[in-house]
Amino acid sequence: MKSVFISESAKKRLHEIAGTQKNFVFRVHVDSGGCAGFQYKFFVDKEKKSDDVLFDYSFGTLVIDPVSLEIINGSTVDYVENMMGACFTLSNPKASSSCGCGSSFSI
């Protein structure tokens, strides 16, 4: 079974976004690039694609394309705030290494 988990801090931030955005989906995507080979992309989207895999949560819907889901299956989306700023991150058990900023990885 395919699964992606959402941390409590990510849920809280997505609830805040849901209060300002109507009819959105939160998309997680894996793209080639970054200093380690792949990079995570997180964004609010207005539409679902026909091949998206949907995960329903209390804030709304998380959508992931099938190729990205194969790479991040079993991962946890988090939202962190620190001196460098605030952002969504992903803890991926399949990643063999990642860059210092945590936005790119290799498998």
PDB file of N, CA and C in Angstrom:
ATOM      1  N   MET A   1       0.841  -1.187   0.000  1.00  0.00           N
ATOM      2  CA  MET A   1       0.000   0.000   0.000  1.00  0.00           C
ATOM      3  C   MET A   1       0.882   1.244   0.000  1.00  0.00           C
ATOM      4  N   LYS A   2       0.517   2.206  -0.796  1.00  0.00           N
ATOM      5  CA  LYS A   2       1.255   3.459  -0.894  1.00  0.00           C
ATOM      6  C   LYS A   2       0.798   4.400   0.214  1.00  0.00           C
ATOM      7  N   SER A   3       1.778   5.064   0.828  1.00  0.00           N
ATOM      8  CA  SER A   3       1.411   6.009   1.890  1.00  0.00           C
ATOM      9  C   SER A   3       2.448   7.112   2.001  1.00  0.00           C
ATOM     10  N   VAL A   4       1.975   8.284   2.354  1.00  0.00           N
ATOM     11  CA  VAL A   4       2.802   9.433   2.687  1.00  0.00           C
ATOM     12  C   VAL A   4       2.182  10.024   3.942  1.00  0.00           C
ATOM     13  N   PHE A   5       3.003  10.288   4.922  1.00  0.00           N
ATOM     14  CA  PHE A   5       2.523  10.775   6.206  1.00  0.00           C
ATOM     15  C   PHE A   5       2.713  12.285   6.316  1.00  0.00           C
ATOM     16  N   ILE A   6       1.919  12.918   7.146  1.00  0.00           N
ATOM     17  CA  ILE A   6       1.978  14.362   7.360  1.00  0.00           C
ATOM     18  C   ILE A   6       2.205  14.605   8.852  1.00  0.00           C
ATOM     19  N   SER A   7       3.260  15.333   9.199  1.00  0.00           N
ATOM     20  CA  SER A   7       3.537  15.639  10.604  1.00  0.00           C
ATOM     21  C   SER A   7       2.494  16.625  11.137  1.00  0.00           C
ATOM     22  N   GLU A   8       2.429  16.730  12.446  1.00  0.00           N
ATOM     23  CA  GLU A   8       1.486  17.665  13.071  1.00  0.00           C
ATOM     24  C   GLU A   8       1.785  19.107  12.675  1.00  0.00           C
ATOM     25  N   SER A   9       3.066  19.478  12.603  1.00  0.00           N
ATOM     26  CA  SER A   9       3.390  20.858  12.227  1.00  0.00           C
ATOM     27  C   SER A   9       3.006  21.135  10.767  1.00  0.00           C
ATOM     28  N   ALA A  10       3.155  20.149   9.881  1.00  0.00           N
ATOM     29  CA  ALA A  10       2.736  20.319   8.489  1.00  0.00           C
ATOM     30  C   ALA A  10       1.218  20.423   8.401  1.00  0.00           C
ATOM     31  N   LYS A  11       0.501  19.609   9.171  1.00  0.00           N
ATOM     32  CA  LYS A  11      -0.960  19.697   9.181  1.00  0.00           C
ATOM     33  C   LYS A  11      -1.410  21.077   9.640  1.00  0.00           C
ATOM     34  N   LYS A  12      -0.769  21.580  10.688  1.00  0.00           N
ATOM     35  CA  LYS A  12      -1.128  22.906  11.211  1.00  0.00           C
ATOM     36  C   LYS A  12      -0.928  23.974  10.136  1.00  0.00           C
ATOM     37  N   ARG A  13       0.211  23.947   9.445  1.00  0.00           N
ATOM     38  CA  ARG A  13       0.478  24.940   8.395  1.00  0.00           C
ATOM     39  C   ARG A  13      -0.493  24.777   7.235  1.00  0.00           C
ATOM     40  N   LEU A  14      -0.819  23.563   6.867  1.00  0.00           N
ATOM     41  CA  LEU A  14      -1.760  23.348   5.766  1.00  0.00           C
ATOM     42  C   LEU A  14      -3.170  23.789   6.139  1.00  0.00           C
ATOM     43  N   HIS A  15      -3.538  23.664   7.411  1.00  0.00           N
ATOM     44  CA  HIS A  15      -4.829  24.200   7.866  1.00  0.00           C
ATOM     45  C   HIS A  15      -4.833  25.715   7.732  1.00  0.00           C
ATOM     46  N   GLU A  16      -3.699  26.369   8.039  1.00  0.00           N
ATOM     47  CA  GLU A  16      -3.596  27.819   7.880  1.00  0.00           C
ATOM     48  C   GLU A  16      -3.747  28.210   6.411  1.00  0.00           C
ATOM     49  N   ILE A  17      -3.107  27.472   5.531  1.00  0.00           N
ATOM     50  CA  ILE A  17      -3.220  27.736   4.095  1.00  0.00           C
ATOM     51  C   ILE A  17      -4.658  27.534   3.643  1.00  0.00           C
ATOM     52  N   ALA A  18      -5.304  26.481   4.148  1.00  0.00           N
ATOM     53  CA  ALA A  18      -6.694  26.196   3.777  1.00  0.00           C
ATOM     54  C   ALA A  18      -7.619  27.339   4.178  1.00  0.00           C
ATOM     55  N   GLY A  19      -7.248  28.082   5.237  1.00  0.00           N
ATOM     56  CA  GLY A  19      -8.059  29.223   5.663  1.00  0.00           C
ATOM     57  C   GLY A  19      -7.988  30.400   4.707  1.00  0.00           C
ATOM     58  N   THR A  20      -6.952  30.437   3.865  1.00  0.00           N
ATOM     59  CA  THR A  20      -6.796  31.551   2.929  1.00  0.00           C
ATOM     60  C   THR A  20      -7.004  31.134   1.473  1.00  0.00           C
ATOM     61  N   GLN A  21      -6.911  29.866   1.186  1.00  0.00           N
ATOM     62  CA  GLN A  21      -7.076  29.347  -0.176  1.00  0.00           C
ATOM     63  C   GLN A  21      -8.347  28.503  -0.236  1.00  0.00           C
ATOM     64  N   LYS A  22      -9.047  28.602  -1.309  1.00  0.00           N
ATOM     65  CA  LYS A  22     -10.242  27.773  -1.492  1.00  0.00           C
ATOM     66  C   LYS A  22      -9.998  26.768  -2.615  1.00  0.00           C
ATOM     67  N   ASN A  23     -10.487  25.579  -2.418  1.00  0.00           N
ATOM     68  CA  ASN A  23     -10.425  24.527  -3.445  1.00  0.00           C
ATOM     69  C   ASN A  23      -9.005  24.290  -3.960  1.00  0.00           C
ATOM     70  N   PHE A  24      -8.106  24.010  -3.047  1.00  0.00           N
ATOM     71  CA  PHE A  24      -6.732  23.733  -3.453  1.00  0.00           C
ATOM     72  C   PHE A  24      -6.372  22.303  -3.106  1.00  0.00           C
ATOM     73  N   VAL A  25      -5.320  21.828  -3.743  1.00  0.00           N
ATOM     74  CA  VAL A  25      -4.692  20.573  -3.363  1.00  0.00           C
ATOM     75  C   VAL A  25      -3.226  20.890  -3.058  1.00  0.00           C
ATOM     76  N   PHE A  26      -2.649  20.156  -2.153  1.00  0.00           N
ATOM     77  CA  PHE A  26      -1.239  20.329  -1.825  1.00  0.00           C
ATOM     78  C   PHE A  26      -0.475  19.265  -2.587  1.00  0.00           C
ATOM     79  N   ARG A  27       0.386  19.704  -3.484  1.00  0.00           N
ATOM     80  CA  ARG A  27       1.100  18.779  -4.362  1.00  0.00           C
ATOM     81  C   ARG A  27       2.537  18.596  -3.888  1.00  0.00           C
ATOM     82  N   VAL A  28       2.967  17.337  -3.842  1.00  0.00           N
ATOM     83  CA  VAL A  28       4.361  16.987  -3.586  1.00  0.00           C
ATOM     84  C   VAL A  28       4.867  16.323  -4.855  1.00  0.00           C
ATOM     85  N   HIS A  29       6.023  16.799  -5.330  1.00  0.00           N
ATOM     86  CA  HIS A  29       6.568  16.314  -6.593  1.00  0.00           C
ATOM     87  C   HIS A  29       8.075  16.122  -6.441  1.00  0.00           C
ATOM     88  N   VAL A  30       8.604  15.116  -7.102  1.00  0.00           N
ATOM     89  CA  VAL A  30      10.045  14.892  -7.150  1.00  0.00           C
ATOM     90  C   VAL A  30      10.507  15.249  -8.554  1.00  0.00           C
ATOM     91  N   ASP A  31      11.538  16.087  -8.620  1.00  0.00           N
ATOM     92  CA  ASP A  31      12.076  16.546  -9.893  1.00  0.00           C
ATOM     93  C   ASP A  31      13.563  16.220  -9.946  1.00  0.00           C
ATOM     94  N   SER A  32      14.097  16.034 -11.126  1.00  0.00           N
ATOM     95  CA  SER A  32      15.541  15.834 -11.218  1.00  0.00           C
ATOM     96  C   SER A  32      16.221  17.184 -11.032  1.00  0.00           C
ATOM     97  N   GLY A  33      17.408  17.145 -10.447  1.00  0.00           N
ATOM     98  CA  GLY A  33      18.154  18.379 -10.224  1.00  0.00           C
ATOM     99  C   GLY A  33      18.609  18.493  -8.787  1.00  0.00           C
ATOM    100  N   GLY A  34      19.025  19.682  -8.424  1.00  0.00           N
ATOM    101  CA  GLY A  34      19.565  19.885  -7.090  1.00  0.00           C
ATOM    102  C   GLY A  34      20.976  19.355  -7.013  1.00  0.00           C
ATOM    103  N   CYS A  35      21.627  19.592  -5.918  1.00  0.00           N
ATOM    104  CA  CYS A  35      23.037  19.200  -5.808  1.00  0.00           C
ATOM    105  C   CYS A  35      23.216  17.707  -5.541  1.00  0.00           C
ATOM    106  N   ALA A  36      22.148  16.978  -5.218  1.00  0.00           N
ATOM    107  CA  ALA A  36      22.282  15.548  -4.931  1.00  0.00           C
ATOM    108  C   ALA A  36      21.585  14.655  -5.957  1.00  0.00           C
ATOM    109  N   GLY A  37      20.961  15.225  -6.978  1.00  0.00           N
ATOM    110  CA  GLY A  37      20.364  14.400  -8.034  1.00  0.00           C
ATOM    111  C   GLY A  37      18.868  14.567  -8.209  1.00  0.00           C
ATOM    112  N   PHE A  38      18.120  14.594  -7.108  1.00  0.00           N
ATOM    113  CA  PHE A  38      16.670  14.814  -7.135  1.00  0.00           C
ATOM    114  C   PHE A  38      16.347  15.923  -6.149  1.00  0.00           C
ATOM    115  N   GLN A  39      15.196  16.572  -6.361  1.00  0.00           N
ATOM    116  CA  GLN A  39      14.762  17.567  -5.388  1.00  0.00           C
ATOM    117  C   GLN A  39      13.255  17.485  -5.179  1.00  0.00           C
ATOM    118  N   TYR A  40      12.841  17.835  -3.975  1.00  0.00           N
ATOM    119  CA  TYR A  40      11.430  17.839  -3.617  1.00  0.00           C
ATOM    120  C   TYR A  40      10.828  19.182  -3.995  1.00  0.00           C
ATOM    121  N   LYS A  41       9.599  19.150  -4.473  1.00  0.00           N
ATOM    122  CA  LYS A  41       8.849  20.363  -4.773  1.00  0.00           C
ATOM    123  C   LYS A  41       7.521  20.265  -4.030  1.00  0.00           C
ATOM    124  N   PHE A  42       7.157  21.337  -3.349  1.00  0.00           N
ATOM    125  CA  PHE A  42       5.891  21.409  -2.619  1.00  0.00           C
ATOM    126  C   PHE A  42       5.157  22.649  -3.118  1.00  0.00           C
ATOM    127  N   PHE A  43       3.895  22.500  -3.486  1.00  0.00           N
ATOM    128  CA  PHE A  43       3.158  23.684  -3.885  1.00  0.00           C
ATOM    129  C   PHE A  43       1.656  23.479  -3.827  1.00  0.00           C
ATOM    130  N   VAL A  44       0.965  24.598  -3.715  1.00  0.00           N
ATOM    131  CA  VAL A  44      -0.489  24.616  -3.743  1.00  0.00           C
ATOM    132  C   VAL A  44      -0.894  24.614  -5.210  1.00  0.00           C
ATOM    133  N   ASP A  45      -1.803  23.729  -5.552  1.00  0.00           N
ATOM    134  CA  ASP A  45      -2.252  23.594  -6.930  1.00  0.00           C
ATOM    135  C   ASP A  45      -3.772  23.732  -6.952  1.00  0.00           C
ATOM    136  N   LYS A  46      -4.287  24.170  -8.055  1.00  0.00           N
ATOM    137  CA  LYS A  46      -5.733  24.342  -8.187  1.00  0.00           C
ATOM    138  C   LYS A  46      -6.426  23.141  -8.811  1.00  0.00           C
ATOM    139  N   GLU A  47      -5.651  22.239  -9.384  1.00  0.00           N
ATOM    140  CA  GLU A  47      -6.307  21.115 -10.049  1.00  0.00           C
ATOM    141  C   GLU A  47      -5.559  19.801  -9.830  1.00  0.00           C
ATOM    142  N   LYS A  48      -6.319  18.736  -9.929  1.00  0.00           N
ATOM    143  CA  LYS A  48      -5.771  17.385  -9.869  1.00  0.00           C
ATOM    144  C   LYS A  48      -5.600  16.892 -11.297  1.00  0.00           C
ATOM    145  N   LYS A  49      -4.596  16.077 -11.512  1.00  0.00           N
ATOM    146  CA  LYS A  49      -4.400  15.466 -12.822  1.00  0.00           C
ATOM    147  C   LYS A  49      -5.001  14.073 -12.800  1.00  0.00           C
ATOM    148  N   SER A  50      -5.335  13.555 -13.950  1.00  0.00           N
ATOM    149  CA  SER A  50      -6.060  12.281 -14.018  1.00  0.00           C
ATOM    150  C   SER A  50      -5.282  11.119 -13.420  1.00  0.00           C
ATOM    151  N   ASP A  51      -3.938  11.168 -13.445  1.00  0.00           N
ATOM    152  CA  ASP A  51      -3.167  10.049 -12.902  1.00  0.00           C
ATOM    153  C   ASP A  51      -2.646  10.289 -11.489  1.00  0.00           C
ATOM    154  N   ASP A  52      -3.010  11.415 -10.872  1.00  0.00           N
ATOM    155  CA  ASP A  52      -2.564  11.704  -9.506  1.00  0.00           C
ATOM    156  C   ASP A  52      -3.092  10.672  -8.516  1.00  0.00           C
ATOM    157  N   VAL A  53      -2.281  10.391  -7.519  1.00  0.00           N
ATOM    158  CA  VAL A  53      -2.720   9.574  -6.391  1.00  0.00           C
ATOM    159  C   VAL A  53      -3.143  10.560  -5.314  1.00  0.00           C
ATOM    160  N   LEU A  54      -4.338  10.354  -4.760  1.00  0.00           N
ATOM    161  CA  LEU A  54      -4.924  11.297  -3.811  1.00  0.00           C
ATOM    162  C   LEU A  54      -4.883  10.738  -2.398  1.00  0.00           C
ATOM    163  N   PHE A  55      -4.520  11.602  -1.454  1.00  0.00           N
ATOM    164  CA  PHE A  55      -4.559  11.273  -0.031  1.00  0.00           C
ATOM    165  C   PHE A  55      -5.395  12.354   0.646  1.00  0.00           C
ATOM    166  N   ASP A  56      -6.495  11.962   1.266  1.00  0.00           N
ATOM    167  CA  ASP A  56      -7.362  12.934   1.925  1.00  0.00           C
ATOM    168  C   ASP A  56      -6.983  13.085   3.389  1.00  0.00           C
ATOM    169  N   TYR A  57      -6.811  14.325   3.799  1.00  0.00           N
ATOM    170  CA  TYR A  57      -6.484  14.677   5.177  1.00  0.00           C
ATOM    171  C   TYR A  57      -7.457  15.750   5.643  1.00  0.00           C
ATOM    172  N   SER A  58      -7.400  16.087   6.916  1.00  0.00           N
ATOM    173  CA  SER A  58      -8.330  17.072   7.465  1.00  0.00           C
ATOM    174  C   SER A  58      -8.165  18.451   6.839  1.00  0.00           C
ATOM    175  N   PHE A  59      -6.985  18.800   6.349  1.00  0.00           N
ATOM    176  CA  PHE A  59      -6.767  20.106   5.724  1.00  0.00           C
ATOM    177  C   PHE A  59      -7.254  20.136   4.284  1.00  0.00           C
ATOM    178  N   GLY A  60      -7.367  18.973   3.673  1.00  0.00           N
ATOM    179  CA  GLY A  60      -7.725  18.888   2.263  1.00  0.00           C
ATOM    180  C   GLY A  60      -7.063  17.676   1.630  1.00  0.00           C
ATOM    181  N   THR A  61      -6.641  17.816   0.392  1.00  0.00           N
ATOM    182  CA  THR A  61      -6.111  16.692  -0.357  1.00  0.00           C
ATOM    183  C   THR A  61      -4.633  16.882  -0.686  1.00  0.00           C
ATOM    184  N   LEU A  62      -3.857  15.845  -0.432  1.00  0.00           N
ATOM    185  CA  LEU A  62      -2.466  15.771  -0.845  1.00  0.00           C
ATOM    186  C   LEU A  62      -2.454  14.995  -2.154  1.00  0.00           C
ATOM    187  N   VAL A  63      -1.791  15.524  -3.175  1.00  0.00           N
ATOM    188  CA  VAL A  63      -1.724  14.834  -4.458  1.00  0.00           C
ATOM    189  C   VAL A  63      -0.263  14.603  -4.847  1.00  0.00           C
ATOM    190  N   ILE A  64      -0.023  13.440  -5.411  1.00  0.00           N
ATOM    191  CA  ILE A  64       1.326  13.060  -5.827  1.00  0.00           C
ATOM    192  C   ILE A  64       1.206  12.291  -7.136  1.00  0.00           C
ATOM    193  N   ASP A  65       2.049  12.638  -8.095  1.00  0.00           N
ATOM    194  CA  ASP A  65       2.039  11.885  -9.349  1.00  0.00           C
ATOM    195  C   ASP A  65       2.636  10.498  -9.090  1.00  0.00           C
ATOM    196  N   PRO A  66       2.282   9.500  -9.886  1.00  0.00           N
ATOM    197  CA  PRO A  66       2.717   8.122  -9.633  1.00  0.00           C
ATOM    198  C   PRO A  66       4.236   7.927  -9.600  1.00  0.00           C
ATOM    199  N   VAL A  67       4.978   8.617 -10.448  1.00  0.00           N
ATOM    200  CA  VAL A  67       6.437   8.462 -10.470  1.00  0.00           C
ATOM    201  C   VAL A  67       7.041   9.001  -9.174  1.00  0.00           C
ATOM    202  N   SER A  68       6.595  10.181  -8.742  1.00  0.00           N
ATOM    203  CA  SER A  68       7.096  10.749  -7.484  1.00  0.00           C
ATOM    204  C   SER A  68       6.733   9.861  -6.301  1.00  0.00           C
ATOM    205  N   LEU A  69       5.530   9.297  -6.325  1.00  0.00           N
ATOM    206  CA  LEU A  69       5.096   8.451  -5.216  1.00  0.00           C
ATOM    207  C   LEU A  69       5.981   7.225  -5.071  1.00  0.00           C
ATOM    208  N   GLU A  70       6.433   6.649  -6.167  1.00  0.00           N
ATOM    209  CA  GLU A  70       7.343   5.506  -6.076  1.00  0.00           C
ATOM    210  C   GLU A  70       8.613   5.879  -5.318  1.00  0.00           C
ATOM    211  N   ILE A  71       9.080   7.099  -5.509  1.00  0.00           N
ATOM    212  CA  ILE A  71      10.318   7.553  -4.886  1.00  0.00           C
ATOM    213  C   ILE A  71      10.117   7.942  -3.423  1.00  0.00           C
ATOM    214  N   ILE A  72       8.946   8.505  -3.083  1.00  0.00           N
ATOM    215  CA  ILE A  72       8.745   9.010  -1.714  1.00  0.00           C
ATOM    216  C   ILE A  72       7.777   8.177  -0.881  1.00  0.00           C
ATOM    217  N   ASN A  73       7.355   7.032  -1.388  1.00  0.00           N
ATOM    218  CA  ASN A  73       6.449   6.176  -0.628  1.00  0.00           C
ATOM    219  C   ASN A  73       7.029   5.897   0.765  1.00  0.00           C
ATOM    220  N   GLY A  74       6.219   6.079   1.795  1.00  0.00           N
ATOM    221  CA  GLY A  74       6.654   5.845   3.164  1.00  0.00           C
ATOM    222  C   GLY A  74       7.296   7.056   3.822  1.00  0.00           C
ATOM    223  N   SER A  75       7.352   8.173   3.109  1.00  0.00           N
ATOM    224  CA  SER A  75       7.985   9.385   3.631  1.00  0.00           C
ATOM    225  C   SER A  75       7.025  10.195   4.496  1.00  0.00           C
ATOM    226  N   THR A  76       7.592  11.167   5.206  1.00  0.00           N
ATOM    227  CA  THR A  76       6.804  12.071   6.037  1.00  0.00           C
ATOM    228  C   THR A  76       7.062  13.514   5.614  1.00  0.00           C
ATOM    229  N   VAL A  77       5.988  14.234   5.326  1.00  0.00           N
ATOM    230  CA  VAL A  77       6.064  15.659   5.030  1.00  0.00           C
ATOM    231  C   VAL A  77       6.036  16.400   6.362  1.00  0.00           C
ATOM    232  N   ASP A  78       6.957  17.341   6.529  1.00  0.00           N
ATOM    233  CA  ASP A  78       7.037  18.134   7.756  1.00  0.00           C
ATOM    234  C   ASP A  78       7.089  19.603   7.381  1.00  0.00           C
ATOM    235  N   TYR A  79       6.828  20.459   8.349  1.00  0.00           N
ATOM    236  CA  TYR A  79       6.967  21.903   8.173  1.00  0.00           C
ATOM    237  C   TYR A  79       7.865  22.380   9.297  1.00  0.00           C
ATOM    238  N   VAL A  80       8.982  23.003   8.941  1.00  0.00           N
ATOM    239  CA  VAL A  80       9.944  23.439   9.945  1.00  0.00           C
ATOM    240  C   VAL A  80      10.148  24.944   9.871  1.00  0.00           C
ATOM    241  N   GLU A  81      10.334  25.529  11.037  1.00  0.00           N
ATOM    242  CA  GLU A  81      10.661  26.938  11.147  1.00  0.00           C
ATOM    243  C   GLU A  81      11.949  27.035  11.942  1.00  0.00           C
ATOM    244  N   ASN A  82      12.940  27.758  11.384  1.00  0.00           N
ATOM    245  CA  ASN A  82      14.197  27.955  12.083  1.00  0.00           C
ATOM    246  C   ASN A  82      14.791  29.299  11.677  1.00  0.00           C
ATOM    247  N   MET A  83      16.030  29.553  12.048  1.00  0.00           N
ATOM    248  CA  MET A  83      16.655  30.830  11.741  1.00  0.00           C
ATOM    249  C   MET A  83      16.801  31.065  10.239  1.00  0.00           C
ATOM    250  N   MET A  84      16.816  30.014   9.466  1.00  0.00           N
ATOM    251  CA  MET A  84      16.958  30.128   8.012  1.00  0.00           C
ATOM    252  C   MET A  84      15.630  30.440   7.323  1.00  0.00           C
ATOM    253  N   GLY A  85      14.527  30.287   8.038  1.00  0.00           N
ATOM    254  CA  GLY A  85      13.205  30.529   7.466  1.00  0.00           C
ATOM    255  C   GLY A  85      12.254  29.400   7.806  1.00  0.00           C
ATOM    256  N   ALA A  86      11.213  29.293   7.020  1.00  0.00           N
ATOM    257  CA  ALA A  86      10.206  28.257   7.227  1.00  0.00           C
ATOM    258  C   ALA A  86       9.939  27.571   5.897  1.00  0.00           C
ATOM    259  N   CYS A  87       9.786  26.245   5.937  1.00  0.00           N
ATOM    260  CA  CYS A  87       9.537  25.516   4.695  1.00  0.00           C
ATOM    261  C   CYS A  87       9.019  24.108   4.993  1.00  0.00           C
ATOM    262  N   PHE A  88       8.423  23.525   3.965  1.00  0.00           N
ATOM    263  CA  PHE A  88       8.060  22.117   4.023  1.00  0.00           C
ATOM    264  C   PHE A  88       9.304  21.301   3.715  1.00  0.00           C
ATOM    265  N   THR A  89       9.437  20.173   4.393  1.00  0.00           N
ATOM    266  CA  THR A  89      10.539  19.250   4.149  1.00  0.00           C
ATOM    267  C   THR A  89       9.967  17.844   4.024  1.00  0.00           C
ATOM    268  N   LEU A  90      10.791  16.923   3.602  1.00  0.00           N
ATOM    269  CA  LEU A  90      10.343  15.553   3.466  1.00  0.00           C
ATOM    270  C   LEU A  90      11.409  14.620   4.027  1.00  0.00           C
ATOM    271  N   SER A  91      10.998  13.743   4.909  1.00  0.00           N
ATOM    272  CA  SER A  91      11.893  12.722   5.448  1.00  0.00           C
ATOM    273  C   SER A  91      11.632  11.442   4.662  1.00  0.00           C
ATOM    274  N   ASN A  92      12.608  11.071   3.834  1.00  0.00           N
ATOM    275  CA  ASN A  92      12.427   9.965   2.898  1.00  0.00           C
ATOM    276  C   ASN A  92      13.315   8.791   3.301  1.00  0.00           C
ATOM    277  N   PRO A  93      12.715   7.670   3.717  1.00  0.00           N
ATOM    278  CA  PRO A  93      13.530   6.519   4.115  1.00  0.00           C
ATOM    279  C   PRO A  93      14.294   5.892   2.951  1.00  0.00           C
ATOM    280  N   LYS A  94      13.932   6.201   1.716  1.00  0.00           N
ATOM    281  CA  LYS A  94      14.622   5.645   0.552  1.00  0.00           C
ATOM    282  C   LYS A  94      15.844   6.462   0.141  1.00  0.00           C
ATOM    283  N   ALA A  95      15.974   7.688   0.663  1.00  0.00           N
ATOM    284  CA  ALA A  95      17.097   8.544   0.274  1.00  0.00           C
ATOM    285  C   ALA A  95      18.389   8.007   0.878  1.00  0.00           C
ATOM    286  N   SER A  96      19.391   7.819   0.040  1.00  0.00           N
ATOM    287  CA  SER A  96      20.677   7.321   0.538  1.00  0.00           C
ATOM    288  C   SER A  96      21.569   8.464   1.002  1.00  0.00           C
ATOM    289  N   SER A  97      21.339   9.658   0.483  1.00  0.00           N
ATOM    290  CA  SER A  97      22.071  10.838   0.930  1.00  0.00           C
ATOM    291  C   SER A  97      21.267  12.067   0.562  1.00  0.00           C
ATOM    292  N   SER A  98      21.578  13.187   1.209  1.00  0.00           N
ATOM    293  CA  SER A  98      20.910  14.442   0.890  1.00  0.00           C
ATOM    294  C   SER A  98      21.905  15.581   1.031  1.00  0.00           C
ATOM    295  N   CYS A  99      21.547  16.715   0.472  1.00  0.00           N
ATOM    296  CA  CYS A  99      22.424  17.875   0.566  1.00  0.00           C
ATOM    297  C   CYS A  99      22.259  18.514   1.950  1.00  0.00           C
ATOM    298  N   GLY A 100      23.074  19.478   2.248  1.00  0.00           N
ATOM    299  CA  GLY A 100      23.036  20.135   3.552  1.00  0.00           C
ATOM    300  C   GLY A 100      21.733  20.841   3.850  1.00  0.00           C
ATOM    301  N   CYS A 101      21.095  21.393   2.824  1.00  0.00           N
ATOM    302  CA  CYS A 101      19.845  22.129   3.072  1.00  0.00           C
ATOM    303  C   CYS A 101      18.637  21.196   3.132  1.00  0.00           C
ATOM    304  N   GLY A 102      18.794  19.941   2.722  1.00  0.00           N
ATOM    305  CA  GLY A 102      17.718  18.960   2.815  1.00  0.00           C
ATOM    306  C   GLY A 102      16.713  19.013   1.675  1.00  0.00           C
ATOM    307  N   SER A 103      16.925  19.871   0.682  1.00  0.00           N
ATOM    308  CA  SER A 103      15.939  19.948  -0.399  1.00  0.00           C
ATOM    309  C   SER A 103      16.259  19.037  -1.570  1.00  0.00           C
ATOM    310  N   SER A 104      17.472  18.504  -1.632  1.00  0.00           N
ATOM    311  CA  SER A 104      17.774  17.547  -2.693  1.00  0.00           C
ATOM    312  C   SER A 104      18.361  16.274  -2.084  1.00  0.00           C
ATOM    313  N   PHE A 105      18.275  15.194  -2.853  1.00  0.00           N
ATOM    314  CA  PHE A 105      18.647  13.882  -2.316  1.00  0.00           C
ATOM    315  C   PHE A 105      19.033  12.944  -3.440  1.00  0.00           C
ATOM    316  N   SER A 106      19.611  11.822  -3.087  1.00  0.00           N
ATOM    317  CA  SER A 106      19.869  10.760  -4.051  1.00  0.00           C
ATOM    318  C   SER A 106      19.316   9.459  -3.481  1.00  0.00           C
ATOM    319  N   ILE A 107      19.036   8.514  -4.378  1.00  0.00           N
ATOM    320  CA  ILE A 107      18.511   7.215  -3.943  1.00  0.00           C
ATOM    321  C   ILE A 107      19.397   6.109  -4.480  1.00  0.00           C
TER     322      ILE A 107
END
